[in-house]
Amino acid sequence: MTTDSPKPSAPLLFEPLAMERVWGGRHFETLLGKKIPPGAVIGELWEVVDRPEAQSIVREGSLKGSSLHELWANRREEIFGARHAANPSPRFPLLVKLLDARDRLSVQVHPPAHRAEELEGEPKTECWYFLDADPDAFIYAGLKKGVTRAGFEEALAGGTVEEKLHRAPVLAGESIFIPSGRLHAIGAGLVIVEIQQNSDTTYRVFDWNRTGLDGKPRDLHVDQSMHSIDFGDFEPAVTPASDPVVADCPLFHVSKIDLPSPSDLAVEGDFSIITGLTGEVDCAGVRIGPGAFALIPASMTKAVLTPLGSGTSVLVTRLPEPVA
């Protein structure tokens, strides 16, 4: 990539990276029309990622072939905006995914920032937006009121962990915030937009006695999990579909916007990641439909999203401005 290539005047589209998972399926193909490897059980599409082991690559336009890391390292002010020029992160700070949970995921936790280094992991706070949900779909998040550490350890030893978890029904359009330290598990029958810190550290504490794709029991991380779980985190609420704020924390801001008419989402000196939810929009000739992702660069002084029908909505993800 050369740094003297023209400034982009349209949203950037990246090539998604398909991840095979024992709990995945084919809904990215059948529901969202995405191309995924044939015959594989795909649980995740990494849509926007800058990690040593995984890179988003621009798939068309003047920056075609550029990696997200190259853009963050070499063209940060132009693509991401002046307000992020002093961000100390050597890599783009977010990881944006789609999840297809045809089976339930393990009971897991991500290490909080104050424990991550000693546990040799990375902190990971995330949010889930439920793009599609089967009837009676649910998640586990946090503990039931009154559950103690000792009670949880007893349930873990006896294989009755599910009895200690807070179970919440969920519908398409709802969302939930999952801070580091919150015990959680995604139930079956959900397609989820996940926006998270740039981390890939997950500690499984219980996996329903399931085997992996290789036929062997999957690794558990009980000791790391017990050092990470917030045992004061009881029965967190699911955010209703009517709430325009999906997540607002020091790591990311995610909002849901209905588009009954064209709307200019350009912000001076800043970028945004657009995720199509319902309907389809056009932005500078780029169409964004359900489950599609586009990065609006700071170089676009106008970024008008024009709905191509009724009932159109998108997610808008931004990085908070660094605190001085």
C-alpha atoms as a PDB file:
ATOM      1  CA  MET A   1       0.000   0.000   0.000  1.00  0.00           C
ATOM      2  CA  THR A   2       1.245   3.494  -0.796  1.00  0.00           C
ATOM      3  CA  THR A   3       0.372   6.408   1.433  1.00  0.00           C
ATOM      4  CA  ASP A   4      -0.015   8.717  -1.597  1.00  0.00           C
ATOM      5  CA  SER A   5      -3.058   6.883  -3.000  1.00  0.00           C
ATOM      6  CA  PRO A   6      -6.180   9.060  -3.246  1.00  0.00           C
ATOM      7  CA  LYS A   7      -8.243   9.729  -0.158  1.00  0.00           C
ATOM      8  CA  PRO A   8     -11.280   7.444  -0.155  1.00  0.00           C
ATOM      9  CA  SER A   9     -14.539   9.147  -1.070  1.00  0.00           C
ATOM     10  CA  ALA A  10     -16.764   6.133  -0.350  1.00  0.00           C
ATOM     11  CA  PRO A  11     -17.171   3.678   2.534  1.00  0.00           C
ATOM     12  CA  LEU A  12     -14.520   0.975   2.867  1.00  0.00           C
ATOM     13  CA  LEU A  13     -15.641  -2.638   2.562  1.00  0.00           C
ATOM     14  CA  PHE A  14     -13.544  -5.457   4.023  1.00  0.00           C
ATOM     15  CA  GLU A  15     -13.373  -9.157   3.189  1.00  0.00           C
ATOM     16  CA  PRO A  16     -14.879 -11.124   6.118  1.00  0.00           C
ATOM     17  CA  LEU A  17     -12.908 -13.995   7.679  1.00  0.00           C
ATOM     18  CA  ALA A  18     -14.920 -17.180   8.296  1.00  0.00           C
ATOM     19  CA  MET A  19     -14.249 -19.135  11.490  1.00  0.00           C
ATOM     20  CA  GLU A  20     -15.389 -22.724  11.903  1.00  0.00           C
ATOM     21  CA  ARG A  21     -16.982 -23.405  15.304  1.00  0.00           C
ATOM     22  CA  VAL A  22     -18.582 -26.527  16.772  1.00  0.00           C
ATOM     23  CA  TRP A  23     -21.714 -24.492  17.643  1.00  0.00           C
ATOM     24  CA  GLY A  24     -22.019 -22.729  14.256  1.00  0.00           C
ATOM     25  CA  GLY A  25     -24.174 -23.288  11.180  1.00  0.00           C
ATOM     26  CA  ARG A  26     -25.008 -21.903   7.728  1.00  0.00           C
ATOM     27  CA  HIS A  27     -27.245 -18.916   8.565  1.00  0.00           C
ATOM     28  CA  PHE A  28     -24.743 -16.395   7.212  1.00  0.00           C
ATOM     29  CA  GLU A  29     -25.462 -17.936   3.832  1.00  0.00           C
ATOM     30  CA  THR A  30     -29.186 -18.704   4.091  1.00  0.00           C
ATOM     31  CA  LEU A  31     -30.253 -15.633   6.092  1.00  0.00           C
ATOM     32  CA  LEU A  32     -27.791 -12.960   4.971  1.00  0.00           C
ATOM     33  CA  GLY A  33     -26.683 -14.208   1.553  1.00  0.00           C
ATOM     34  CA  LYS A  34     -23.004 -14.242   2.476  1.00  0.00           C
ATOM     35  CA  LYS A  35     -20.450 -16.477   0.808  1.00  0.00           C
ATOM     36  CA  ILE A  36     -18.940 -18.940   3.278  1.00  0.00           C
ATOM     37  CA  PRO A  37     -16.832 -22.076   2.774  1.00  0.00           C
ATOM     38  CA  PRO A  38     -19.012 -24.941   1.493  1.00  0.00           C
ATOM     39  CA  GLY A  39     -19.783 -27.787   3.860  1.00  0.00           C
ATOM     40  CA  ALA A  40     -18.262 -26.077   6.891  1.00  0.00           C
ATOM     41  CA  VAL A  41     -19.873 -25.268  10.220  1.00  0.00           C
ATOM     42  CA  ILE A  42     -19.231 -21.516  10.403  1.00  0.00           C
ATOM     43  CA  GLY A  43     -19.841 -19.842  13.750  1.00  0.00           C
ATOM     44  CA  GLU A  44     -18.140 -16.469  13.263  1.00  0.00           C
ATOM     45  CA  LEU A  45     -17.399 -13.963  10.539  1.00  0.00           C
ATOM     46  CA  TRP A  46     -14.697 -11.540  11.617  1.00  0.00           C
ATOM     47  CA  GLU A  47     -15.755  -8.428   9.728  1.00  0.00           C
ATOM     48  CA  VAL A  48     -13.404  -5.738  11.073  1.00  0.00           C
ATOM     49  CA  VAL A  49     -10.220  -7.054  12.687  1.00  0.00           C
ATOM     50  CA  ASP A  50      -6.595  -6.027  13.170  1.00  0.00           C
ATOM     51  CA  ARG A  51      -4.741  -8.838  14.906  1.00  0.00           C
ATOM     52  CA  PRO A  52      -1.422 -10.599  14.228  1.00  0.00           C
ATOM     53  CA  GLU A  53      -3.298 -13.773  13.283  1.00  0.00           C
ATOM     54  CA  ALA A  54      -6.205 -12.141  11.412  1.00  0.00           C
ATOM     55  CA  GLN A  55      -6.417  -9.066   9.178  1.00  0.00           C
ATOM     56  CA  SER A  56      -9.272  -7.279   7.459  1.00  0.00           C
ATOM     57  CA  ILE A  57      -8.347  -6.457   3.861  1.00  0.00           C
ATOM     58  CA  VAL A  58     -10.080  -3.743   1.817  1.00  0.00           C
ATOM     59  CA  ARG A  59     -11.796  -5.552  -1.038  1.00  0.00           C
ATOM     60  CA  GLU A  60     -12.403  -2.745  -3.565  1.00  0.00           C
ATOM     61  CA  GLY A  61     -11.756   0.911  -4.336  1.00  0.00           C
ATOM     62  CA  SER A  62      -8.567   2.991  -4.280  1.00  0.00           C
ATOM     63  CA  LEU A  63      -7.338   1.226  -1.124  1.00  0.00           C
ATOM     64  CA  LYS A  64      -8.038  -2.309  -2.377  1.00  0.00           C
ATOM     65  CA  GLY A  65      -5.600  -4.775  -0.847  1.00  0.00           C
ATOM     66  CA  SER A  66      -4.746  -2.548   2.120  1.00  0.00           C
ATOM     67  CA  SER A  67      -4.942  -4.144   5.545  1.00  0.00           C
ATOM     68  CA  LEU A  68      -6.731  -2.544   8.458  1.00  0.00           C
ATOM     69  CA  HIS A  69      -3.433  -2.511  10.331  1.00  0.00           C
ATOM     70  CA  GLU A  70      -1.730  -0.592   7.514  1.00  0.00           C
ATOM     71  CA  LEU A  71      -4.509   1.985   7.550  1.00  0.00           C
ATOM     72  CA  TRP A  72      -4.383   2.379  11.346  1.00  0.00           C
ATOM     73  CA  ALA A  73      -0.583   2.603  11.401  1.00  0.00           C
ATOM     74  CA  ASN A  74       0.069   4.734   8.312  1.00  0.00           C
ATOM     75  CA  ARG A  75      -3.093   6.684   7.441  1.00  0.00           C
ATOM     76  CA  ARG A  76      -4.773   7.088  10.783  1.00  0.00           C
ATOM     77  CA  GLU A  77      -5.729  10.742  10.654  1.00  0.00           C
ATOM     78  CA  GLU A  78      -7.033  10.463   7.079  1.00  0.00           C
ATOM     79  CA  ILE A  79      -9.089   7.283   7.603  1.00  0.00           C
ATOM     80  CA  PHE A  80      -9.978   7.382  11.301  1.00  0.00           C
ATOM     81  CA  GLY A  81      -9.784  11.085  12.088  1.00  0.00           C
ATOM     82  CA  ALA A  82      -7.659  13.614  13.894  1.00  0.00           C
ATOM     83  CA  ARG A  83      -9.286  12.894  17.247  1.00  0.00           C
ATOM     84  CA  HIS A  84      -7.697   9.442  17.254  1.00  0.00           C
ATOM     85  CA  ALA A  85      -4.195  10.518  16.191  1.00  0.00           C
ATOM     86  CA  ALA A  86      -2.876  10.250  19.750  1.00  0.00           C
ATOM     87  CA  ASN A  87      -4.506   6.896  20.537  1.00  0.00           C
ATOM     88  CA  PRO A  88      -1.691   4.767  22.027  1.00  0.00           C
ATOM     89  CA  SER A  89      -3.061   1.463  20.700  1.00  0.00           C
ATOM     90  CA  PRO A  90      -0.648  -0.048  18.142  1.00  0.00           C
ATOM     91  CA  ARG A  91      -3.603  -1.835  16.508  1.00  0.00           C
ATOM     92  CA  PHE A  92      -7.153  -0.798  15.675  1.00  0.00           C
ATOM     93  CA  PRO A  93      -8.843  -1.086  19.087  1.00  0.00           C
ATOM     94  CA  LEU A  94     -12.063  -2.877  18.061  1.00  0.00           C
ATOM     95  CA  LEU A  95     -12.998  -6.281  16.683  1.00  0.00           C
ATOM     96  CA  VAL A  96     -16.400  -6.554  14.990  1.00  0.00           C
ATOM     97  CA  LYS A  97     -17.980  -9.947  14.302  1.00  0.00           C
ATOM     98  CA  LEU A  98     -21.097 -11.789  13.282  1.00  0.00           C
ATOM     99  CA  LEU A  99     -21.986 -14.902  15.292  1.00  0.00           C
ATOM    100  CA  ASP A 100     -24.227 -17.742  14.119  1.00  0.00           C
ATOM    101  CA  ALA A 101     -25.138 -19.794  17.202  1.00  0.00           C
ATOM    102  CA  ARG A 102     -27.040 -22.867  16.041  1.00  0.00           C
ATOM    103  CA  ASP A 103     -26.065 -24.576  19.312  1.00  0.00           C
ATOM    104  CA  ARG A 104     -25.388 -22.913  22.646  1.00  0.00           C
ATOM    105  CA  LEU A 105     -21.899 -21.641  23.377  1.00  0.00           C
ATOM    106  CA  SER A 106     -19.824 -22.537  26.420  1.00  0.00           C
ATOM    107  CA  VAL A 107     -20.268 -20.807  29.760  1.00  0.00           C
ATOM    108  CA  GLN A 108     -17.389 -18.371  29.658  1.00  0.00           C
ATOM    109  CA  VAL A 109     -15.858 -15.164  30.954  1.00  0.00           C
ATOM    110  CA  HIS A 110     -13.299 -12.655  29.715  1.00  0.00           C
ATOM    111  CA  PRO A 111     -10.605 -11.329  32.062  1.00  0.00           C
ATOM    112  CA  PRO A 112     -11.041  -7.836  33.513  1.00  0.00           C
ATOM    113  CA  ALA A 113      -8.316  -5.288  32.846  1.00  0.00           C
ATOM    114  CA  HIS A 114      -6.843  -5.486  36.352  1.00  0.00           C
ATOM    115  CA  ARG A 115      -6.426  -9.278  36.098  1.00  0.00           C
ATOM    116  CA  ALA A 116      -5.679  -9.869  32.420  1.00  0.00           C
ATOM    117  CA  GLU A 117      -1.897  -9.501  32.563  1.00  0.00           C
ATOM    118  CA  GLU A 118      -1.398 -11.866  35.480  1.00  0.00           C
ATOM    119  CA  LEU A 119      -3.663 -14.401  33.755  1.00  0.00           C
ATOM    120  CA  GLU A 120      -1.655 -14.003  30.524  1.00  0.00           C
ATOM    121  CA  GLY A 121      -4.709 -12.829  28.595  1.00  0.00           C
ATOM    122  CA  GLU A 122      -6.270  -9.684  27.143  1.00  0.00           C
ATOM    123  CA  PRO A 123      -9.244  -7.856  28.697  1.00  0.00           C
ATOM    124  CA  LYS A 124     -12.388  -8.076  26.638  1.00  0.00           C
ATOM    125  CA  THR A 125     -15.569  -6.063  26.996  1.00  0.00           C
ATOM    126  CA  GLU A 126     -18.212  -6.556  24.322  1.00  0.00           C
ATOM    127  CA  CYS A 127     -21.824  -5.987  23.370  1.00  0.00           C
ATOM    128  CA  TRP A 128     -24.288  -8.191  21.503  1.00  0.00           C
ATOM    129  CA  TYR A 129     -27.002  -6.987  19.153  1.00  0.00           C
ATOM    130  CA  PHE A 130     -29.495  -9.726  18.289  1.00  0.00           C
ATOM    131  CA  LEU A 131     -29.893  -9.507  14.527  1.00  0.00           C
ATOM    132  CA  ASP A 132     -32.066 -12.618  14.316  1.00  0.00           C
ATOM    133  CA  ALA A 133     -33.598 -14.831  16.995  1.00  0.00           C
ATOM    134  CA  ASP A 134     -35.498 -18.100  16.873  1.00  0.00           C
ATOM    135  CA  PRO A 135     -38.704 -18.323  18.930  1.00  0.00           C
ATOM    136  CA  ASP A 136     -37.849 -18.926  22.596  1.00  0.00           C
ATOM    137  CA  ALA A 137     -34.200 -17.915  22.085  1.00  0.00           C
ATOM    138  CA  PHE A 138     -32.323 -16.953  25.249  1.00  0.00           C
ATOM    139  CA  ILE A 139     -28.915 -16.101  26.666  1.00  0.00           C
ATOM    140  CA  TYR A 140     -27.181 -16.524  30.000  1.00  0.00           C
ATOM    141  CA  ALA A 141     -25.671 -13.364  31.493  1.00  0.00           C
ATOM    142  CA  GLY A 142     -24.485 -12.891  35.056  1.00  0.00           C
ATOM    143  CA  LEU A 143     -25.532 -14.932  38.067  1.00  0.00           C
ATOM    144  CA  LYS A 144     -28.883 -15.493  39.702  1.00  0.00           C
ATOM    145  CA  LYS A 145     -29.399 -13.248  42.713  1.00  0.00           C
ATOM    146  CA  GLY A 146     -27.815 -14.670  45.838  1.00  0.00           C
ATOM    147  CA  VAL A 147     -25.381 -17.046  44.143  1.00  0.00           C
ATOM    148  CA  THR A 148     -22.058 -17.038  45.997  1.00  0.00           C
ATOM    149  CA  ARG A 149     -18.596 -18.046  44.875  1.00  0.00           C
ATOM    150  CA  ALA A 150     -18.775 -21.110  47.093  1.00  0.00           C
ATOM    151  CA  GLY A 151     -22.185 -22.041  45.687  1.00  0.00           C
ATOM    152  CA  PHE A 152     -20.909 -21.659  42.134  1.00  0.00           C
ATOM    153  CA  GLU A 153     -17.860 -23.813  42.853  1.00  0.00           C
ATOM    154  CA  GLU A 154     -20.133 -26.489  44.302  1.00  0.00           C
ATOM    155  CA  ALA A 155     -22.339 -26.393  41.177  1.00  0.00           C
ATOM    156  CA  LEU A 156     -19.256 -26.586  38.957  1.00  0.00           C
ATOM    157  CA  ALA A 157     -18.056 -29.701  40.746  1.00  0.00           C
ATOM    158  CA  GLY A 158     -21.530 -31.248  40.500  1.00  0.00           C
ATOM    159  CA  GLY A 159     -22.199 -30.341  36.877  1.00  0.00           C
ATOM    160  CA  THR A 160     -25.177 -28.099  37.770  1.00  0.00           C
ATOM    161  CA  VAL A 161     -23.762 -24.748  36.639  1.00  0.00           C
ATOM    162  CA  GLU A 162     -26.884 -23.901  34.626  1.00  0.00           C
ATOM    163  CA  GLU A 163     -28.898 -23.621  37.861  1.00  0.00           C
ATOM    164  CA  LYS A 164     -26.695 -20.720  38.986  1.00  0.00           C
ATOM    165  CA  LEU A 165     -26.838 -18.666  35.782  1.00  0.00           C
ATOM    166  CA  HIS A 166     -29.239 -15.824  35.009  1.00  0.00           C
ATOM    167  CA  ARG A 167     -31.220 -16.854  31.938  1.00  0.00           C
ATOM    168  CA  ALA A 168     -32.880 -14.119  29.852  1.00  0.00           C
ATOM    169  CA  PRO A 169     -35.171 -14.490  26.811  1.00  0.00           C
ATOM    170  CA  VAL A 170     -34.152 -12.300  23.861  1.00  0.00           C
ATOM    171  CA  LEU A 171     -35.775 -11.027  20.658  1.00  0.00           C
ATOM    172  CA  ALA A 172     -34.368  -9.663  17.411  1.00  0.00           C
ATOM    173  CA  GLY A 173     -33.579  -5.969  17.884  1.00  0.00           C
ATOM    174  CA  GLU A 174     -32.634  -6.281  21.544  1.00  0.00           C
ATOM    175  CA  SER A 175     -29.074  -6.101  22.840  1.00  0.00           C
ATOM    176  CA  ILE A 176     -26.953  -6.541  25.952  1.00  0.00           C
ATOM    177  CA  PHE A 177     -23.651  -5.203  27.266  1.00  0.00           C
ATOM    178  CA  ILE A 178     -21.109  -7.801  28.427  1.00  0.00           C
ATOM    179  CA  PRO A 179     -18.300  -6.195  30.433  1.00  0.00           C
ATOM    180  CA  SER A 180     -15.154  -8.113  31.272  1.00  0.00           C
ATOM    181  CA  GLY A 181     -15.815 -10.327  34.277  1.00  0.00           C
ATOM    182  CA  ARG A 182     -19.466 -11.052  33.420  1.00  0.00           C
ATOM    183  CA  LEU A 183     -20.204 -14.767  33.203  1.00  0.00           C
ATOM    184  CA  HIS A 184     -22.139 -15.466  30.000  1.00  0.00           C
ATOM    185  CA  ALA A 185     -23.229 -17.966  27.367  1.00  0.00           C
ATOM    186  CA  ILE A 186     -25.094 -17.475  24.097  1.00  0.00           C
ATOM    187  CA  GLY A 187     -28.084 -19.773  23.627  1.00  0.00           C
ATOM    188  CA  ALA A 188     -28.997 -21.594  20.430  1.00  0.00           C
ATOM    189  CA  GLY A 189     -30.877 -19.996  17.524  1.00  0.00           C
ATOM    190  CA  LEU A 190     -29.278 -16.538  17.470  1.00  0.00           C
ATOM    191  CA  VAL A 191     -27.444 -14.445  14.884  1.00  0.00           C
ATOM    192  CA  ILE A 192     -25.548 -11.713  16.679  1.00  0.00           C
ATOM    193  CA  VAL A 193     -23.557  -8.598  15.840  1.00  0.00           C
ATOM    194  CA  GLU A 194     -20.723  -8.526  18.375  1.00  0.00           C
ATOM    195  CA  ILE A 195     -18.665  -5.379  18.922  1.00  0.00           C
ATOM    196  CA  GLN A 196     -15.765  -5.822  21.303  1.00  0.00           C
ATOM    197  CA  GLN A 197     -12.325  -4.796  22.398  1.00  0.00           C
ATOM    198  CA  ASN A 198      -9.572  -6.075  20.152  1.00  0.00           C
ATOM    199  CA  SER A 199      -9.012  -9.252  22.150  1.00  0.00           C
ATOM    200  CA  ASP A 200      -9.353 -12.974  21.600  1.00  0.00           C
ATOM    201  CA  THR A 201      -9.112 -14.166  25.216  1.00  0.00           C
ATOM    202  CA  THR A 202     -11.989 -16.364  26.372  1.00  0.00           C
ATOM    203  CA  TYR A 203     -11.967 -18.593  29.434  1.00  0.00           C
ATOM    204  CA  ARG A 204     -14.408 -21.507  29.301  1.00  0.00           C
ATOM    205  CA  VAL A 205     -15.592 -22.577  32.729  1.00  0.00           C
ATOM    206  CA  PHE A 206     -18.200 -25.133  31.557  1.00  0.00           C
ATOM    207  CA  ASP A 207     -19.051 -26.534  28.115  1.00  0.00           C
ATOM    208  CA  TRP A 208     -22.087 -28.754  28.618  1.00  0.00           C
ATOM    209  CA  ASN A 209     -19.812 -31.856  28.455  1.00  0.00           C
ATOM    210  CA  ARG A 210     -19.482 -31.276  24.701  1.00  0.00           C
ATOM    211  CA  THR A 211     -16.743 -32.438  22.345  1.00  0.00           C
ATOM    212  CA  GLY A 212     -15.065 -30.211  19.785  1.00  0.00           C
ATOM    213  CA  LEU A 213     -14.836 -30.555  16.013  1.00  0.00           C
ATOM    214  CA  ASP A 214     -11.985 -33.039  16.569  1.00  0.00           C
ATOM    215  CA  GLY A 215     -14.226 -35.276  18.709  1.00  0.00           C
ATOM    216  CA  LYS A 216     -12.288 -34.531  21.895  1.00  0.00           C
ATOM    217  CA  PRO A 217     -13.542 -32.585  24.936  1.00  0.00           C
ATOM    218  CA  ARG A 218     -12.782 -28.888  24.526  1.00  0.00           C
ATOM    219  CA  ASP A 219     -10.266 -27.301  26.879  1.00  0.00           C
ATOM    220  CA  LEU A 220     -11.624 -25.615  29.995  1.00  0.00           C
ATOM    221  CA  HIS A 221      -9.984 -22.771  31.886  1.00  0.00           C
ATOM    222  CA  VAL A 222     -11.499 -23.148  35.321  1.00  0.00           C
ATOM    223  CA  ASP A 223      -8.720 -21.511  37.340  1.00  0.00           C
ATOM    224  CA  GLN A 224      -8.493 -18.467  35.055  1.00  0.00           C
ATOM    225  CA  SER A 225     -12.287 -18.218  35.004  1.00  0.00           C
ATOM    226  CA  MET A 226     -12.587 -18.241  38.785  1.00  0.00           C
ATOM    227  CA  HIS A 227     -10.069 -15.396  38.961  1.00  0.00           C
ATOM    228  CA  SER A 228     -12.033 -13.410  36.358  1.00  0.00           C
ATOM    229  CA  ILE A 229     -15.725 -13.851  37.286  1.00  0.00           C
ATOM    230  CA  ASP A 230     -17.453 -10.908  38.960  1.00  0.00           C
ATOM    231  CA  PHE A 231     -19.356 -12.689  41.738  1.00  0.00           C
ATOM    232  CA  GLY A 232     -21.337  -9.535  42.469  1.00  0.00           C
ATOM    233  CA  ASP A 233     -22.858  -9.381  38.997  1.00  0.00           C
ATOM    234  CA  PHE A 234     -26.493 -10.437  39.290  1.00  0.00           C
ATOM    235  CA  GLU A 235     -29.221 -10.607  36.626  1.00  0.00           C
ATOM    236  CA  PRO A 236     -28.233  -7.818  34.190  1.00  0.00           C
ATOM    237  CA  ALA A 237     -31.021  -6.414  32.034  1.00  0.00           C
ATOM    238  CA  VAL A 238     -31.391  -6.870  28.304  1.00  0.00           C
ATOM    239  CA  THR A 239     -31.619  -3.549  26.425  1.00  0.00           C
ATOM    240  CA  PRO A 240     -35.022  -3.224  24.696  1.00  0.00           C
ATOM    241  CA  ALA A 241     -35.233  -2.828  20.923  1.00  0.00           C
ATOM    242  CA  SER A 242     -36.736   0.647  21.400  1.00  0.00           C
ATOM    243  CA  ASP A 243     -33.548   1.990  23.041  1.00  0.00           C
ATOM    244  CA  PRO A 244     -31.296   3.727  20.483  1.00  0.00           C
ATOM    245  CA  VAL A 245     -28.186   3.243  22.657  1.00  0.00           C
ATOM    246  CA  VAL A 246     -26.795  -0.277  22.332  1.00  0.00           C
ATOM    247  CA  ALA A 247     -23.560   0.401  24.246  1.00  0.00           C
ATOM    248  CA  ASP A 248     -21.866   3.451  25.708  1.00  0.00           C
ATOM    249  CA  CYS A 249     -18.600   2.794  27.514  1.00  0.00           C
ATOM    250  CA  PRO A 250     -15.012   4.117  27.471  1.00  0.00           C
ATOM    251  CA  LEU A 251     -14.127   1.528  24.808  1.00  0.00           C
ATOM    252  CA  PHE A 252     -16.857   2.019  22.191  1.00  0.00           C
ATOM    253  CA  HIS A 253     -20.170   3.702  21.503  1.00  0.00           C
ATOM    254  CA  VAL A 254     -22.821   1.825  19.532  1.00  0.00           C
ATOM    255  CA  SER A 255     -26.167   3.319  18.554  1.00  0.00           C
ATOM    256  CA  LYS A 256     -29.104   2.127  16.483  1.00  0.00           C
ATOM    257  CA  ILE A 257     -30.498   4.568  13.937  1.00  0.00           C
ATOM    258  CA  ASP A 258     -33.758   4.270  12.044  1.00  0.00           C
ATOM    259  CA  LEU A 259     -33.593   5.819   8.561  1.00  0.00           C
ATOM    260  CA  PRO A 260     -37.012   6.917   7.302  1.00  0.00           C
ATOM    261  CA  SER A 261     -35.196   9.462   5.097  1.00  0.00           C
ATOM    262  CA  PRO A 262     -31.615  10.246   4.006  1.00  0.00           C
ATOM    263  CA  SER A 263     -29.245  11.130   6.855  1.00  0.00           C
ATOM    264  CA  ASP A 264     -25.681  12.466   6.777  1.00  0.00           C
ATOM    265  CA  LEU A 265     -23.612  10.505   9.305  1.00  0.00           C
ATOM    266  CA  ALA A 266     -20.280  12.181   8.609  1.00  0.00           C
ATOM    267  CA  VAL A 267     -18.561  13.579  11.710  1.00  0.00           C
ATOM    268  CA  GLU A 268     -15.680  16.015  11.248  1.00  0.00           C
ATOM    269  CA  GLY A 269     -12.402  14.361  12.143  1.00  0.00           C
ATOM    270  CA  ASP A 270     -13.925  10.976  12.889  1.00  0.00           C
ATOM    271  CA  PHE A 271     -14.906   7.646  11.330  1.00  0.00           C
ATOM    272  CA  SER A 272     -17.765   5.252  11.937  1.00  0.00           C
ATOM    273  CA  ILE A 273     -18.548   1.611  11.246  1.00  0.00           C
ATOM    274  CA  ILE A 274     -21.998   1.039   9.764  1.00  0.00           C
ATOM    275  CA  THR A 275     -23.765  -2.302  10.182  1.00  0.00           C
ATOM    276  CA  GLY A 276     -26.897  -2.992   8.175  1.00  0.00           C
ATOM    277  CA  LEU A 277     -29.785  -4.263  10.297  1.00  0.00           C
ATOM    278  CA  THR A 278     -33.028  -4.018   8.328  1.00  0.00           C
ATOM    279  CA  GLY A 279     -33.686  -2.825   4.794  1.00  0.00           C
ATOM    280  CA  GLU A 280     -30.886  -1.499   2.622  1.00  0.00           C
ATOM    281  CA  VAL A 281     -29.094   1.841   2.353  1.00  0.00           C
ATOM    282  CA  ASP A 282     -26.908   3.477  -0.258  1.00  0.00           C
ATOM    283  CA  CYS A 283     -23.886   5.558   0.702  1.00  0.00           C
ATOM    284  CA  ALA A 284     -21.841   7.078  -2.120  1.00  0.00           C
ATOM    285  CA  GLY A 285     -22.765   4.181  -4.391  1.00  0.00           C
ATOM    286  CA  VAL A 286     -22.086   1.487  -1.776  1.00  0.00           C
ATOM    287  CA  ARG A 287     -25.081  -0.604  -0.758  1.00  0.00           C
ATOM    288  CA  ILE A 288     -25.312  -1.817   2.840  1.00  0.00           C
ATOM    289  CA  GLY A 289     -27.904  -4.488   3.621  1.00  0.00           C
ATOM    290  CA  PRO A 290     -28.601  -6.698   6.654  1.00  0.00           C
ATOM    291  CA  GLY A 291     -25.391  -8.097   8.116  1.00  0.00           C
ATOM    292  CA  ALA A 292     -23.140  -5.949   5.903  1.00  0.00           C
ATOM    293  CA  PHE A 293     -20.390  -3.750   7.349  1.00  0.00           C
ATOM    294  CA  ALA A 294     -18.792  -0.591   5.992  1.00  0.00           C
ATOM    295  CA  LEU A 295     -16.272   1.830   7.444  1.00  0.00           C
ATOM    296  CA  ILE A 296     -17.024   5.479   6.719  1.00  0.00           C
ATOM    297  CA  PRO A 297     -13.598   7.175   6.682  1.00  0.00           C
ATOM    298  CA  ALA A 298     -12.931  10.581   8.172  1.00  0.00           C
ATOM    299  CA  SER A 299     -11.972  11.764   4.676  1.00  0.00           C
ATOM    300  CA  MET A 300     -15.664  11.678   3.699  1.00  0.00           C
ATOM    301  CA  THR A 301     -16.922  15.138   4.569  1.00  0.00           C
ATOM    302  CA  LYS A 302     -20.432  13.976   3.602  1.00  0.00           C
ATOM    303  CA  ALA A 303     -21.682  10.456   4.232  1.00  0.00           C
ATOM    304  CA  VAL A 304     -25.367  10.441   3.357  1.00  0.00           C
ATOM    305  CA  LEU A 305     -27.144   7.147   4.019  1.00  0.00           C
ATOM    306  CA  THR A 306     -30.152   6.913   1.740  1.00  0.00           C
ATOM    307  CA  PRO A 307     -32.730   4.239   2.569  1.00  0.00           C
ATOM    308  CA  LEU A 308     -33.805   2.160  -0.413  1.00  0.00           C
ATOM    309  CA  GLY A 309     -37.118   1.196   1.161  1.00  0.00           C
ATOM    310  CA  SER A 310     -39.136   1.487   4.334  1.00  0.00           C
ATOM    311  CA  GLY A 311     -38.214   0.054   7.720  1.00  0.00           C
ATOM    312  CA  THR A 312     -34.476   0.650   7.299  1.00  0.00           C
ATOM    313  CA  SER A 313     -32.096   0.717  10.264  1.00  0.00           C
ATOM    314  CA  VAL A 314     -28.356   0.497  10.936  1.00  0.00           C
ATOM    315  CA  LEU A 315     -25.908   0.289  13.798  1.00  0.00           C
ATOM    316  CA  VAL A 316     -23.309   3.049  14.074  1.00  0.00           C
ATOM    317  CA  THR A 317     -20.114   2.235  15.992  1.00  0.00           C
ATOM    318  CA  ARG A 318     -17.530   4.814  16.998  1.00  0.00           C
ATOM    319  CA  LEU A 319     -14.532   5.043  19.280  1.00  0.00           C
ATOM    320  CA  PRO A 320     -14.937   7.531  22.116  1.00  0.00           C
ATOM    321  CA  GLU A 321     -12.599  10.482  21.893  1.00  0.00           C
ATOM    322  CA  PRO A 322      -9.516   9.851  24.058  1.00  0.00           C
ATOM    323  CA  VAL A 323      -9.640  11.551  27.454  1.00  0.00           C
ATOM    324  CA  ALA A 324      -7.029  14.274  27.695  1.00  0.00           C
END
